Amino acid sequence: MKVLVGVISPVTAWILPRRVIDEFRRAFPKPEFIYVWDADAIRRTLPQVDVAFTPVVDSDVLPLATRLRWIQSSAVGVAHLLYPAMIESDIVITNA
């Protein structure tokens, strides 16, 4: 299983430090954690992952993300993710 961690925010307190990702990797050795820092990297990486911990999945990238089964949004609101193709998909969305 591949897990994308792409929590990007202008608020520094919301960004996970690299040491947290290293702790995830030690605590959970089976999933592969892929840590990215910007929106372009999220877009490039989404087609390769099963799980995404990110506040954004752009509608034009969704058709390429055929492995994606779960989005954990770091934001409380997820209305921006509820576009028609996402609603029609089998992807589970959870939030903070």
Protein backbone atom coordinates (compact mmCIF):
# COMPACT_ATOMS: atom_id res chain seq x y z
CA MET A 1 0.00 0.00 0.00
CA LYS A 2 1.25 3.47 -0.88
CA VAL A 3 0.21 6.45 1.23
CA LEU A 4 0.63 10.01 0.00
CA VAL A 5 1.18 12.58 2.73
CA GLY A 6 0.76 15.99 1.18
CA VAL A 7 -0.45 18.44 3.77
CA ILE A 8 0.35 21.81 2.28
CA SER A 9 -0.65 25.03 3.93
CA PRO A 10 0.52 28.61 4.27
CA VAL A 11 0.18 28.01 8.02
CA THR A 12 3.42 26.40 9.22
CA ALA A 13 1.73 24.74 12.19
CA TRP A 14 -0.38 22.62 9.81
CA ILE A 15 2.58 21.14 7.96
CA LEU A 16 3.84 17.79 9.22
CA PRO A 17 7.55 17.85 9.98
CA ARG A 18 9.68 15.25 8.20
CA ARG A 19 10.41 13.59 11.56
CA VAL A 20 6.70 12.70 11.88
CA ILE A 21 6.81 10.90 8.53
CA ASP A 22 9.95 9.08 9.70
CA GLU A 23 8.04 8.01 12.83
CA PHE A 24 5.17 6.74 10.65
CA ARG A 25 7.65 4.71 8.62
CA ARG A 26 9.16 3.16 11.76
CA ALA A 27 5.80 2.44 13.39
CA PHE A 28 4.17 1.12 10.20
CA PRO A 29 6.84 -0.54 8.03
CA LYS A 30 4.51 -2.15 5.48
CA PRO A 31 2.87 0.89 3.88
CA GLU A 32 5.12 3.07 1.77
CA PHE A 33 4.75 6.70 2.89
CA ILE A 34 5.39 9.24 0.14
CA TYR A 35 5.86 12.72 1.55
CA VAL A 36 5.42 15.70 -0.79
CA TRP A 37 5.55 19.44 -0.17
CA ASP A 38 3.67 21.20 -2.95
CA ALA A 39 0.55 21.00 -5.11
CA ASP A 40 2.42 19.91 -8.25
CA ALA A 41 3.98 16.97 -6.39
CA ILE A 42 0.55 15.97 -5.08
CA ARG A 43 -0.83 16.01 -8.63
CA ARG A 44 2.09 13.91 -9.94
CA THR A 45 1.94 11.40 -7.08
CA LEU A 46 -1.82 10.79 -6.76
CA PRO A 47 -1.96 8.24 -9.63
CA GLN A 48 0.54 6.04 -7.75
CA VAL A 49 -1.14 5.81 -4.33
CA ASP A 50 -3.92 3.96 -2.53
CA VAL A 51 -4.41 6.50 0.26
CA ALA A 52 -3.96 10.27 0.27
CA PHE A 53 -3.64 12.45 3.36
CA THR A 54 -4.14 15.76 1.63
CA PRO A 55 -6.70 18.56 1.53
CA VAL A 56 -6.80 18.69 -2.29
CA VAL A 57 -7.52 16.26 -5.12
CA ASP A 58 -8.09 18.22 -8.30
CA SER A 59 -10.91 16.98 -10.53
CA ASP A 60 -8.66 16.69 -13.59
CA VAL A 61 -6.28 14.35 -11.72
CA LEU A 62 -9.00 12.07 -10.34
CA PRO A 63 -9.39 9.97 -13.52
CA LEU A 64 -5.66 9.17 -13.34
CA ALA A 65 -5.84 8.14 -9.68
CA THR A 66 -7.21 4.66 -10.35
CA ARG A 67 -5.60 3.14 -7.23
CA LEU A 68 -6.95 5.79 -4.85
CA ARG A 69 -9.43 4.37 -2.32
CA TRP A 70 -9.30 6.78 0.62
CA ILE A 71 -8.71 10.50 1.11
CA GLN A 72 -8.10 11.77 4.62
CA SER A 73 -8.47 15.52 4.39
CA SER A 74 -6.45 17.61 6.80
CA ALA A 75 -9.19 20.22 6.58
CA VAL A 76 -12.50 20.11 8.40
CA GLY A 77 -14.52 21.07 5.34
CA VAL A 78 -14.53 18.76 2.33
CA ALA A 79 -17.10 20.48 0.11
CA HIS A 80 -14.36 21.33 -2.41
CA LEU A 81 -13.81 17.56 -2.87
CA LEU A 82 -17.46 16.82 -3.56
CA TYR A 83 -17.44 17.39 -7.31
CA PRO A 84 -19.51 15.00 -9.48
CA ALA A 85 -16.73 12.55 -10.43
CA MET A 86 -15.63 12.22 -6.81
CA ILE A 87 -19.19 11.64 -5.61
CA GLU A 88 -19.66 8.95 -8.26
CA SER A 89 -16.41 7.22 -7.31
CA ASP A 90 -15.92 4.55 -4.63
CA ILE A 91 -13.32 6.71 -2.84
CA VAL A 92 -13.93 7.18 0.87
CA ILE A 93 -13.39 10.71 2.16
CA THR A 94 -12.79 11.40 5.84
CA ASN A 95 -11.85 14.67 7.46
CA ALA A 96 -10.25 16.23 10.48
